[in-house]
Amino acid sequence: MRIGVIGAGHIGGTAATLFARAGHEVAVSNSRGPDSLAP
């Protein structure tokens, strides 16, 4: 399944990580830009 997450704070980031670990294709967007999404 392809999933988009808007907001990469505590809840959005955790949800995106769990979706990805479950094998889903995940795209994340936030207001701080792509550099803030690095693990």
N, C-alpha and C. Protein backbone atom coordinates (compact mmCIF):
# COMPACT_ATOMS: atom_id res chain seq x y z
N MET A 1 0.84 -1.17 0.00
CA MET A 1 0.00 0.00 0.00
C MET A 1 0.89 1.24 0.00
N ARG A 2 0.48 2.28 -0.69
CA ARG A 2 1.21 3.55 -0.70
C ARG A 2 0.54 4.49 0.29
N ILE A 3 1.33 5.05 1.20
CA ILE A 3 0.80 5.89 2.27
C ILE A 3 1.54 7.22 2.28
N GLY A 4 0.80 8.32 2.43
CA GLY A 4 1.39 9.64 2.58
C GLY A 4 1.13 10.16 3.98
N VAL A 5 2.16 10.71 4.61
CA VAL A 5 2.03 11.26 5.96
C VAL A 5 2.38 12.73 5.89
N ILE A 6 1.46 13.58 6.34
CA ILE A 6 1.71 15.02 6.38
C ILE A 6 1.98 15.37 7.83
N GLY A 7 3.20 15.84 8.07
CA GLY A 7 3.62 16.16 9.43
C GLY A 7 4.53 15.06 9.95
N ALA A 8 5.76 15.42 10.28
CA ALA A 8 6.72 14.42 10.73
C ALA A 8 7.14 14.67 12.18
N GLY A 9 6.18 15.08 12.99
CA GLY A 9 6.45 15.25 14.42
C GLY A 9 6.50 13.89 15.09
N HIS A 10 6.25 13.86 16.37
CA HIS A 10 6.33 12.60 17.12
C HIS A 10 5.35 11.56 16.59
N ILE A 11 4.12 11.94 16.39
CA ILE A 11 3.11 10.97 15.95
C ILE A 11 3.29 10.62 14.48
N GLY A 12 3.42 11.62 13.62
CA GLY A 12 3.58 11.36 12.19
C GLY A 12 4.84 10.58 11.87
N GLY A 13 5.94 10.94 12.52
CA GLY A 13 7.20 10.24 12.30
C GLY A 13 7.14 8.79 12.75
N THR A 14 6.52 8.57 13.90
CA THR A 14 6.38 7.21 14.41
C THR A 14 5.47 6.39 13.51
N ALA A 15 4.36 6.97 13.09
CA ALA A 15 3.44 6.25 12.20
C ALA A 15 4.13 5.90 10.89
N ALA A 16 4.87 6.85 10.31
CA ALA A 16 5.58 6.60 9.05
C ALA A 16 6.59 5.47 9.21
N THR A 17 7.32 5.47 10.31
CA THR A 17 8.30 4.40 10.57
C THR A 17 7.62 3.05 10.67
N LEU A 18 6.52 2.98 11.39
CA LEU A 18 5.81 1.71 11.56
C LEU A 18 5.22 1.22 10.24
N PHE A 19 4.67 2.13 9.45
CA PHE A 19 4.15 1.74 8.13
C PHE A 19 5.26 1.19 7.25
N ALA A 20 6.41 1.86 7.24
CA ALA A 20 7.54 1.41 6.42
C ALA A 20 8.05 0.05 6.88
N ARG A 21 8.15 -0.15 8.17
CA ARG A 21 8.59 -1.45 8.71
C ARG A 21 7.62 -2.57 8.35
N ALA A 22 6.35 -2.21 8.20
CA ALA A 22 5.33 -3.21 7.83
C ALA A 22 5.34 -3.50 6.34
N GLY A 23 6.23 -2.82 5.60
CA GLY A 23 6.37 -3.10 4.18
C GLY A 23 5.63 -2.16 3.24
N HIS A 24 5.06 -1.09 3.77
CA HIS A 24 4.33 -0.14 2.94
C HIS A 24 5.29 0.89 2.34
N GLU A 25 4.92 1.44 1.19
CA GLU A 25 5.67 2.54 0.58
C GLU A 25 5.17 3.83 1.21
N VAL A 26 6.08 4.59 1.85
CA VAL A 26 5.67 5.76 2.62
C VAL A 26 6.33 7.02 2.07
N ALA A 27 5.53 8.08 1.91
CA ALA A 27 6.04 9.41 1.56
C ALA A 27 5.70 10.34 2.72
N VAL A 28 6.67 11.16 3.14
CA VAL A 28 6.47 12.05 4.28
C VAL A 28 6.71 13.48 3.85
N SER A 29 5.86 14.39 4.33
CA SER A 29 6.00 15.81 4.06
C SER A 29 5.91 16.57 5.38
N ASN A 30 6.73 17.63 5.49
CA ASN A 30 6.64 18.47 6.69
C ASN A 30 6.99 19.90 6.33
N SER A 31 6.82 20.81 7.26
CA SER A 31 7.05 22.23 6.99
C SER A 31 8.50 22.64 7.16
N ARG A 32 9.36 21.75 7.67
CA ARG A 32 10.76 22.10 7.92
C ARG A 32 11.70 21.69 6.79
N GLY A 33 11.18 21.06 5.76
CA GLY A 33 12.01 20.69 4.62
C GLY A 33 12.58 19.29 4.73
N PRO A 34 13.12 18.79 3.62
CA PRO A 34 13.59 17.40 3.58
C PRO A 34 14.81 17.11 4.45
N ASP A 35 15.65 18.10 4.73
CA ASP A 35 16.83 17.85 5.55
C ASP A 35 16.47 17.43 6.97
N SER A 36 15.33 17.87 7.46
CA SER A 36 14.93 17.52 8.82
C SER A 36 14.37 16.10 8.93
N LEU A 37 14.20 15.42 7.80
CA LEU A 37 13.65 14.07 7.81
C LEU A 37 14.71 12.98 7.88
N ALA A 38 15.98 13.36 7.84
CA ALA A 38 17.06 12.37 7.88
C ALA A 38 17.01 11.61 9.20
N PRO A 39 17.26 10.29 9.16
CA PRO A 39 17.20 9.49 10.40
C PRO A 39 18.28 9.85 11.39
